[in-house]
Amino acid sequence: MNAVSPTLPRCHGIIPARFASTRFPGKPLADILGKPMIWHVFQRARACPELCGVTLATDDERILETARKLGISATMTRDDHPSGTDRILETAERLGVAEDDVVVNIQGDEPALHPELLTLLLSPFTDPAIQVSTLARPLASQEAQSPDMVKVVIDSQGNALYFSRALIPHPREGEGDFLGHIGLYAFRMRTLRAFVALGPGKLEQIEKLEQLRLLEAGIPIRVLRTELCTHGVDRPEDIPRVCALLREYGS
């Protein structure tokens, strides 16, 4: 008798998108090669074959209207969520996501997202014990010095030991071996619900890193290594770089 191959549960992509932004108001609607940013993110995410669907979650009528005109699946959420993760939970509940299904938090400012990153992110969920996954890439020593670049250290099983803006591990001698965190997450639905119910933890508030809430609560995070980079848009001046990448990709 042939062994049954492990299979992925149903995986749902959700893109949180807010109009308000201190550094770049209206960022989700910024024009990139003739289309708003949210269109590019949606198309790149939809190219991941492991996702059964992709939904935009917003609290702004302008974003919702634009999404619907472009044929993007979108839903309106409350406007008082403290984080994008809370917005994702509300959307997942509206979609009726099952407790063992997987919900992917896809950053709404990644118009040049590699769909392969989502495939990698979802790969551990053939194991029913995996509750959360995220990604990391190798960093050069100079890049690792910046507190804007979040570092992660992992154990022998590939689970996160800690995330920090500080230089970890700190090299006492010679060069260090650094991993930079990539802010994509996949959660089992029940773990996403538990995450939001926990509320901010002490370490999370000190480092301003939401993922530390899980580690403080003893919930392991599987970290997948990749050589691919992400190219987020933080400010208007980032758009020409992203446009060049999309032209290179043939988008």
Protein backbone atom coordinates (compact mmCIF):
# COMPACT_ATOMS: atom_id res chain seq x y z
CA MET A 1 0.00 0.00 0.00
CA ASN A 2 1.32 3.43 -0.90
CA ALA A 3 1.86 5.90 1.94
CA VAL A 4 -0.45 8.87 1.90
CA SER A 5 1.43 12.01 0.84
CA PRO A 6 1.22 14.91 3.28
CA THR A 7 -1.02 17.68 2.03
CA LEU A 8 -1.41 21.34 2.84
CA PRO A 9 -4.58 22.56 4.50
CA ARG A 10 -6.56 25.29 2.74
CA CYS A 11 -4.44 28.45 2.67
CA HIS A 12 -5.97 31.94 2.51
CA GLY A 13 -4.03 35.10 1.60
CA ILE A 14 -5.12 38.38 3.21
CA ILE A 15 -3.63 41.78 2.33
CA PRO A 16 -4.21 44.50 4.97
CA ALA A 17 -4.30 47.99 3.44
CA ARG A 18 -4.69 51.29 5.30
CA PHE A 19 -4.96 54.70 3.64
CA ALA A 20 -3.35 56.53 6.58
CA SER A 21 0.44 56.42 6.71
CA THR A 22 2.78 58.83 8.45
CA ARG A 23 5.49 58.58 5.82
CA PHE A 24 3.30 57.98 2.76
CA PRO A 25 -0.44 58.79 3.04
CA GLY A 26 -2.55 56.93 0.47
CA LYS A 27 0.26 54.46 -0.21
CA PRO A 28 -2.01 51.52 -1.25
CA LEU A 29 -3.32 53.62 -4.15
CA ALA A 30 0.07 54.93 -5.30
CA ASP A 31 0.49 54.64 -9.06
CA ILE A 32 2.97 51.99 -10.18
CA LEU A 33 3.24 51.46 -13.94
CA GLY A 34 -0.30 52.73 -14.42
CA LYS A 35 -1.96 50.62 -11.72
CA PRO A 36 -2.41 51.21 -7.96
CA MET A 37 -0.04 49.40 -5.65
CA ILE A 38 -2.77 47.10 -4.31
CA TRP A 39 -3.37 45.72 -7.82
CA HIS A 40 0.27 44.63 -8.12
CA VAL A 41 0.32 43.04 -4.66
CA PHE A 42 -2.93 41.17 -5.38
CA GLN A 43 -1.69 39.87 -8.74
CA ARG A 44 1.65 38.72 -7.32
CA ALA A 45 -0.04 36.97 -4.38
CA ARG A 46 -2.63 35.34 -6.62
CA ALA A 47 0.21 33.75 -8.60
CA CYS A 48 1.01 31.53 -5.58
CA PRO A 49 -0.60 28.15 -6.42
CA GLU A 50 -0.92 27.12 -2.77
CA LEU A 51 -3.40 29.91 -1.96
CA CYS A 52 -7.07 29.05 -2.42
CA GLY A 53 -7.91 32.76 -2.49
CA VAL A 54 -6.59 36.27 -1.83
CA THR A 55 -8.60 39.04 -0.15
CA LEU A 56 -7.78 42.70 0.46
CA ALA A 57 -8.77 43.97 3.93
CA THR A 58 -9.17 47.73 4.32
CA ASP A 59 -10.86 50.34 6.52
CA ASP A 60 -11.04 52.98 3.77
CA GLU A 61 -13.85 53.44 1.23
CA ARG A 62 -11.44 54.81 -1.38
CA ILE A 63 -9.33 51.67 -1.29
CA LEU A 64 -12.41 49.42 -1.27
CA GLU A 65 -13.94 51.19 -4.27
CA THR A 66 -10.68 51.06 -6.24
CA ALA A 67 -10.22 47.37 -5.45
CA ARG A 68 -13.70 46.45 -6.61
CA LYS A 69 -13.32 48.42 -9.85
CA LEU A 70 -10.17 46.39 -10.56
CA GLY A 71 -11.80 43.05 -9.77
CA ILE A 72 -9.88 42.58 -6.52
CA SER A 73 -11.67 40.59 -3.83
CA ALA A 74 -11.94 43.04 -0.92
CA THR A 75 -13.73 43.54 2.39
CA MET A 76 -14.28 46.53 4.68
CA THR A 77 -13.10 46.13 8.27
CA ARG A 78 -13.39 48.18 11.43
CA ASP A 79 -11.22 51.29 11.57
CA ASP A 80 -10.05 50.91 15.17
CA HIS A 81 -7.76 47.87 14.86
CA PRO A 82 -4.44 48.37 16.69
CA SER A 83 -2.53 46.36 14.06
CA GLY A 84 -2.79 44.77 10.65
CA THR A 85 -2.93 41.35 12.31
CA ASP A 86 -6.17 42.27 14.09
CA ARG A 87 -7.58 43.39 10.73
CA ILE A 88 -6.56 40.06 9.22
CA LEU A 89 -8.35 38.12 11.97
CA GLU A 90 -11.58 40.06 11.39
CA THR A 91 -11.36 39.30 7.67
CA ALA A 92 -10.56 35.61 8.22
CA GLU A 93 -13.58 35.29 10.51
CA ARG A 94 -15.80 36.91 7.86
CA LEU A 95 -14.45 34.44 5.30
CA GLY A 96 -15.31 31.54 7.59
CA VAL A 97 -11.75 30.21 7.69
CA ALA A 98 -11.62 26.83 9.50
CA GLU A 99 -9.52 26.49 12.67
CA ASP A 100 -6.90 24.24 11.03
CA ASP A 101 -6.68 26.31 7.83
CA VAL A 102 -3.75 28.67 7.28
CA VAL A 103 -4.00 32.46 6.98
CA VAL A 104 -1.17 34.38 5.30
CA ASN A 105 -0.46 38.00 6.21
CA ILE A 106 0.70 39.55 2.92
CA GLN A 107 2.15 43.03 3.28
CA GLY A 108 0.22 45.57 1.20
CA ASP A 109 3.36 47.54 0.28
CA GLU A 110 5.18 44.73 -1.57
CA PRO A 111 4.19 45.25 -5.23
CA ALA A 112 7.25 43.27 -6.40
CA LEU A 113 6.54 40.30 -4.13
CA HIS A 114 7.96 36.97 -5.31
CA PRO A 115 5.12 34.38 -5.27
CA GLU A 116 7.81 31.78 -4.51
CA LEU A 117 8.21 33.34 -1.06
CA LEU A 118 4.59 32.51 -0.26
CA THR A 119 5.09 28.93 -1.45
CA LEU A 120 8.11 28.61 0.84
CA LEU A 121 6.24 30.22 3.74
CA LEU A 122 3.44 27.64 3.44
CA SER A 123 5.65 24.59 2.95
CA PRO A 124 5.91 23.54 6.65
CA PHE A 125 2.14 23.29 7.13
CA THR A 126 2.02 19.74 5.83
CA ASP A 127 3.08 19.05 9.44
CA PRO A 128 0.01 19.47 11.70
CA ALA A 129 2.28 20.59 14.56
CA ILE A 130 3.36 23.79 12.78
CA GLN A 131 1.39 26.79 14.01
CA VAL A 132 3.21 29.83 12.59
CA SER A 133 5.86 30.39 9.93
CA THR A 134 7.92 33.31 8.69
CA LEU A 135 10.97 33.94 6.51
CA ALA A 136 14.55 35.15 6.86
CA ARG A 137 17.48 35.83 4.56
CA PRO A 138 21.25 36.04 5.06
CA LEU A 139 22.57 39.51 5.92
CA ALA A 140 25.95 41.06 5.34
CA SER A 141 27.57 42.38 8.52
CA GLN A 142 27.19 46.03 7.52
CA GLU A 143 23.48 45.60 6.73
CA ALA A 144 22.93 43.83 10.06
CA GLN A 145 24.18 46.86 12.02
CA SER A 146 21.00 48.87 11.32
CA PRO A 147 18.25 48.75 13.98
CA ASP A 148 15.75 49.11 11.11
CA MET A 149 16.75 45.61 9.98
CA VAL A 150 15.21 43.05 12.33
CA LYS A 151 17.44 40.07 13.02
CA VAL A 152 16.38 36.56 14.05
CA VAL A 153 18.27 33.65 15.60
CA ILE A 154 16.95 30.11 15.24
CA ASP A 155 17.38 26.75 16.94
CA SER A 156 18.46 23.43 15.39
CA GLN A 157 14.85 22.65 14.41
CA GLY A 158 14.48 25.90 12.49
CA ASN A 159 12.31 27.63 15.09
CA ALA A 160 12.91 31.23 16.16
CA LEU A 161 14.74 31.76 19.43
CA TYR A 162 14.46 35.56 19.36
CA PHE A 163 13.91 38.56 17.08
CA SER A 164 15.66 41.85 17.76
CA ARG A 165 16.66 45.18 16.32
CA ALA A 166 19.96 44.66 18.13
CA LEU A 167 22.87 42.78 16.55
CA ILE A 168 22.13 39.11 17.28
CA PRO A 169 24.05 36.93 17.65
CA HIS A 170 26.67 39.40 18.86
CA PRO A 171 30.07 38.39 17.44
CA ARG A 172 32.76 38.50 20.13
CA GLU A 173 35.42 37.61 17.55
CA GLY A 174 35.46 37.90 13.77
CA GLU A 175 32.42 38.10 11.53
CA GLY A 176 28.90 37.15 12.62
CA ASP A 177 26.33 34.96 10.86
CA PHE A 178 23.19 37.10 10.59
CA LEU A 179 19.66 36.41 9.40
CA GLY A 180 17.35 39.27 8.50
CA HIS A 181 13.66 38.79 9.17
CA ILE A 182 11.23 39.09 6.23
CA GLY A 183 7.84 40.31 7.46
CA LEU A 184 5.60 37.67 5.92
CA TYR A 185 3.65 35.40 8.29
CA ALA A 186 1.41 32.37 8.00
CA PHE A 187 -0.78 31.31 10.94
CA ARG A 188 -3.12 28.43 11.65
CA MET A 189 -6.47 30.13 12.16
CA ARG A 190 -6.70 29.02 15.79
CA THR A 191 -3.21 30.42 16.47
CA LEU A 192 -4.07 33.73 14.78
CA ARG A 193 -7.09 33.96 17.08
CA ALA A 194 -4.91 33.17 20.13
CA PHE A 195 -2.32 35.75 19.04
CA VAL A 196 -4.84 38.58 18.96
CA ALA A 197 -6.43 37.47 22.26
CA LEU A 198 -3.06 37.57 24.03
CA GLY A 199 -2.58 41.30 23.61
CA PRO A 200 0.87 42.97 23.45
CA GLY A 201 3.61 41.35 25.50
CA LYS A 202 6.43 43.01 27.45
CA LEU A 203 9.19 42.20 24.96
CA GLU A 204 6.96 43.21 22.06
CA GLN A 205 6.44 46.62 23.62
CA ILE A 206 10.15 47.09 24.28
CA GLU A 207 11.39 46.09 20.81
CA LYS A 208 8.23 47.17 18.93
CA LEU A 209 8.16 43.74 17.28
CA GLU A 210 4.75 42.08 17.21
CA GLN A 211 6.10 38.55 16.61
CA LEU A 212 7.72 38.49 20.06
CA ARG A 213 4.21 38.12 21.50
CA LEU A 214 4.18 34.53 20.23
CA LEU A 215 7.58 33.65 21.65
CA GLU A 216 6.70 35.12 25.05
CA ALA A 217 3.60 32.91 25.06
CA GLY A 218 5.61 29.80 24.19
CA ILE A 219 4.20 29.49 20.65
CA PRO A 220 6.98 28.40 18.26
CA ILE A 221 7.59 30.19 14.95
CA ARG A 222 9.13 28.13 12.15
CA VAL A 223 11.63 30.22 10.17
CA LEU A 224 12.33 29.37 6.52
CA ARG A 225 15.55 30.58 4.92
CA THR A 226 15.60 32.18 1.47
CA GLU A 227 18.05 34.01 -0.74
CA LEU A 228 15.24 36.12 -2.23
CA CYS A 229 14.79 39.70 -1.08
CA THR A 230 11.64 41.73 -0.58
CA HIS A 231 11.30 45.28 -1.89
CA GLY A 232 8.76 47.18 0.16
CA VAL A 233 7.59 50.72 -0.52
CA ASP A 234 8.02 52.89 2.57
CA ARG A 235 8.27 56.31 0.92
CA PRO A 236 7.40 57.83 -2.49
CA GLU A 237 11.07 57.74 -3.48
CA ASP A 238 10.97 53.90 -3.33
CA ILE A 239 8.56 53.71 -6.28
CA PRO A 240 11.07 54.14 -9.15
CA ARG A 241 13.12 51.22 -7.80
CA VAL A 242 10.02 49.00 -7.63
CA CYS A 243 8.94 50.04 -11.12
CA ALA A 244 12.36 49.01 -12.45
CA LEU A 245 12.03 45.61 -10.74
CA LEU A 246 8.57 45.02 -12.18
CA ARG A 247 9.79 45.88 -15.66
CA GLU A 248 12.63 43.40 -15.12
CA TYR A 249 10.12 40.73 -14.06
CA GLY A 250 8.06 41.47 -17.16
CA SER A 251 5.01 42.67 -15.18
